[in-house]
Each structure stands twice: as C-alpha cells, then as structure tokens.
C-alpha cells in the first residue's frame, strides 16, 4: 500500500512541476518561441517520467 502512495505522490509532483514550467514558458518566453518552449517542456516531462518509472520499477 505504501508503494502506491509513493507513486501517486511522485506522479502528482511531476505533473505539478510540468504545469509550473508551462506557466513559466507562457509568461516569460516571446511569442515566436512559445511553441518550441511548450514542446521542450513536454519532452522533458516524458523523459523524467520515464526515468522515474524505471527507478520505481527497480524498487519493487
């Protein structure tokens, strides 16, 4: 049961971090670079979520 709560907490934290990064891009990046910024944030999120998933799989 504790492992599920750890997974939920980590996933929630990573999604919150992604939302914050998207807001930073929205507020601080010029209009011509916003789409590239959004794409970069999503790619980073996918990579980090994959690495965390691998690490969580090793724990069990």
N, C-alpha and C. Protein backbone atom coordinates (compact mmCIF):
# COMPACT_ATOMS: atom_id res chain seq x y z
N UNK A 1 0.83 -1.20 0.00
CA UNK A 1 0.00 0.00 0.00
C UNK A 1 0.87 1.26 0.00
N UNK A 2 1.99 1.25 0.73
CA UNK A 2 2.84 2.43 0.80
C UNK A 2 3.44 2.76 -0.57
N UNK A 3 3.78 1.74 -1.35
CA UNK A 3 4.37 1.94 -2.67
C UNK A 3 3.41 2.70 -3.59
N UNK A 4 2.14 2.39 -3.52
CA UNK A 4 1.16 3.09 -4.36
C UNK A 4 1.10 4.57 -4.01
N UNK A 5 1.19 4.88 -2.71
CA UNK A 5 1.16 6.28 -2.29
C UNK A 5 2.41 7.02 -2.75
N UNK A 6 3.54 6.33 -2.76
CA UNK A 6 4.78 6.94 -3.26
C UNK A 6 4.64 7.24 -4.75
N UNK A 7 4.10 6.29 -5.50
CA UNK A 7 3.90 6.50 -6.94
C UNK A 7 2.94 7.66 -7.20
N UNK A 8 1.86 7.72 -6.45
CA UNK A 8 0.89 8.81 -6.62
C UNK A 8 1.53 10.15 -6.29
N UNK A 9 2.28 10.19 -5.20
CA UNK A 9 2.93 11.44 -4.80
C UNK A 9 3.95 11.92 -5.83
N UNK A 10 4.77 11.02 -6.32
CA UNK A 10 5.78 11.39 -7.31
C UNK A 10 5.11 11.84 -8.61
N UNK A 11 4.11 11.11 -9.05
CA UNK A 11 3.42 11.47 -10.30
C UNK A 11 2.74 12.83 -10.17
N UNK A 12 2.10 13.05 -9.03
CA UNK A 12 1.44 14.33 -8.81
C UNK A 12 2.44 15.47 -8.79
N UNK A 13 3.57 15.25 -8.12
CA UNK A 13 4.60 16.27 -8.07
C UNK A 13 5.17 16.58 -9.44
N UNK A 14 5.38 15.56 -10.25
CA UNK A 14 5.91 15.79 -11.59
C UNK A 14 4.90 16.53 -12.48
N UNK A 15 3.63 16.20 -12.37
CA UNK A 15 2.60 16.91 -13.14
C UNK A 15 2.54 18.37 -12.70
N UNK A 16 2.60 18.60 -11.38
CA UNK A 16 2.61 19.97 -10.88
C UNK A 16 3.82 20.73 -11.41
N UNK A 17 4.98 20.09 -11.43
CA UNK A 17 6.19 20.71 -11.96
C UNK A 17 6.03 21.04 -13.45
N UNK A 18 5.39 20.14 -14.20
CA UNK A 18 5.17 20.40 -15.62
C UNK A 18 4.25 21.61 -15.80
N UNK A 19 3.19 21.69 -15.00
CA UNK A 19 2.27 22.83 -15.10
C UNK A 19 3.00 24.14 -14.80
N UNK A 20 3.84 24.13 -13.77
CA UNK A 20 4.62 25.33 -13.43
C UNK A 20 5.54 25.70 -14.58
N UNK A 21 6.22 24.71 -15.16
CA UNK A 21 7.12 25.00 -16.28
C UNK A 21 6.36 25.54 -17.48
N UNK A 22 5.17 25.01 -17.75
CA UNK A 22 4.35 25.53 -18.85
C UNK A 22 3.94 26.97 -18.58
N UNK A 23 3.60 27.28 -17.33
CA UNK A 23 3.25 28.67 -16.99
C UNK A 23 4.45 29.60 -17.15
N UNK A 24 5.62 29.12 -16.77
CA UNK A 24 6.84 29.93 -16.94
C UNK A 24 7.06 30.23 -18.41
N UNK A 25 6.91 29.23 -19.26
CA UNK A 25 7.06 29.44 -20.70
C UNK A 25 6.00 30.43 -21.19
N UNK A 26 4.78 30.26 -20.75
CA UNK A 26 3.69 31.15 -21.19
C UNK A 26 3.96 32.60 -20.81
N UNK A 27 4.49 32.81 -19.62
CA UNK A 27 4.65 34.17 -19.13
C UNK A 27 5.98 34.82 -19.51
N UNK A 28 7.01 34.05 -19.77
CA UNK A 28 8.35 34.63 -19.93
C UNK A 28 8.98 34.47 -21.31
N UNK A 29 8.38 33.69 -22.18
CA UNK A 29 9.01 33.44 -23.48
C UNK A 29 8.28 34.24 -24.54
N UNK A 30 9.04 34.78 -25.49
CA UNK A 30 8.44 35.57 -26.56
C UNK A 30 7.51 34.70 -27.41
N UNK A 31 6.61 35.36 -28.10
CA UNK A 31 5.56 34.66 -28.85
C UNK A 31 6.12 33.71 -29.92
N UNK A 32 7.20 34.09 -30.54
CA UNK A 32 7.73 33.24 -31.61
C UNK A 32 8.43 31.99 -31.09
N UNK A 33 8.77 31.96 -29.81
CA UNK A 33 9.44 30.78 -29.23
C UNK A 33 8.54 29.97 -28.30
N UNK A 34 7.29 30.38 -28.12
CA UNK A 34 6.42 29.68 -27.18
C UNK A 34 6.16 28.23 -27.58
N UNK A 35 5.91 27.98 -28.84
CA UNK A 35 5.61 26.60 -29.25
C UNK A 35 6.82 25.70 -29.02
N UNK A 36 8.02 26.21 -29.27
CA UNK A 36 9.23 25.42 -29.01
C UNK A 36 9.41 25.21 -27.52
N UNK A 37 9.09 26.21 -26.72
CA UNK A 37 9.17 26.07 -25.27
C UNK A 37 8.21 25.03 -24.74
N UNK A 38 6.98 25.05 -25.24
CA UNK A 38 5.99 24.05 -24.82
C UNK A 38 6.44 22.65 -25.21
N UNK A 39 6.96 22.51 -26.42
CA UNK A 39 7.44 21.20 -26.87
C UNK A 39 8.59 20.72 -26.00
N UNK A 40 9.51 21.61 -25.67
CA UNK A 40 10.64 21.24 -24.82
C UNK A 40 10.18 20.79 -23.44
N UNK A 41 9.21 21.51 -22.87
CA UNK A 41 8.68 21.13 -21.55
C UNK A 41 8.05 19.74 -21.60
N UNK A 42 7.27 19.47 -22.63
CA UNK A 42 6.61 18.17 -22.74
C UNK A 42 7.64 17.06 -22.94
N UNK A 43 8.63 17.30 -23.77
CA UNK A 43 9.68 16.29 -23.98
C UNK A 43 10.44 16.02 -22.69
N UNK A 44 10.79 17.06 -21.95
CA UNK A 44 11.46 16.88 -20.66
C UNK A 44 10.59 16.10 -19.69
N UNK A 45 9.29 16.41 -19.68
CA UNK A 45 8.37 15.71 -18.80
C UNK A 45 8.32 14.22 -19.14
N UNK A 46 8.26 13.90 -20.41
CA UNK A 46 8.22 12.50 -20.83
C UNK A 46 9.49 11.77 -20.40
N UNK A 47 10.64 12.41 -20.60
CA UNK A 47 11.91 11.79 -20.22
C UNK A 47 11.99 11.57 -18.72
N UNK A 48 11.66 12.60 -17.95
CA UNK A 48 11.75 12.50 -16.49
C UNK A 48 10.76 11.46 -15.97
N UNK A 49 9.54 11.45 -16.49
CA UNK A 49 8.54 10.48 -16.05
C UNK A 49 9.00 9.06 -16.38
N UNK A 50 9.62 8.87 -17.52
CA UNK A 50 10.15 7.55 -17.87
C UNK A 50 11.27 7.11 -16.95
N UNK A 51 12.19 8.03 -16.64
CA UNK A 51 13.28 7.69 -15.73
C UNK A 51 12.76 7.38 -14.33
N UNK A 52 11.79 8.13 -13.87
CA UNK A 52 11.20 7.87 -12.55
C UNK A 52 10.47 6.53 -12.58
N UNK A 53 9.79 6.22 -13.66
CA UNK A 53 9.11 4.93 -13.78
C UNK A 53 10.08 3.77 -13.72
N UNK A 54 11.21 3.92 -14.39
CA UNK A 54 12.23 2.86 -14.34
C UNK A 54 12.76 2.70 -12.92
N UNK A 55 13.02 3.82 -12.26
CA UNK A 55 13.53 3.78 -10.90
C UNK A 55 12.51 3.13 -9.95
N UNK A 56 11.22 3.46 -10.11
CA UNK A 56 10.19 2.87 -9.28
C UNK A 56 10.05 1.37 -9.55
N UNK A 57 10.24 0.97 -10.79
CA UNK A 57 10.18 -0.45 -11.12
C UNK A 57 11.32 -1.22 -10.46
N UNK A 58 12.48 -0.59 -10.31
CA UNK A 58 13.63 -1.22 -9.65
C UNK A 58 13.41 -1.38 -8.15
N UNK A 59 12.58 -0.52 -7.57
CA UNK A 59 12.35 -0.57 -6.12
C UNK A 59 11.60 -1.83 -5.72
N UNK A 60 10.66 -2.24 -6.55
CA UNK A 60 9.82 -3.40 -6.17
C UNK A 60 10.52 -4.72 -6.25
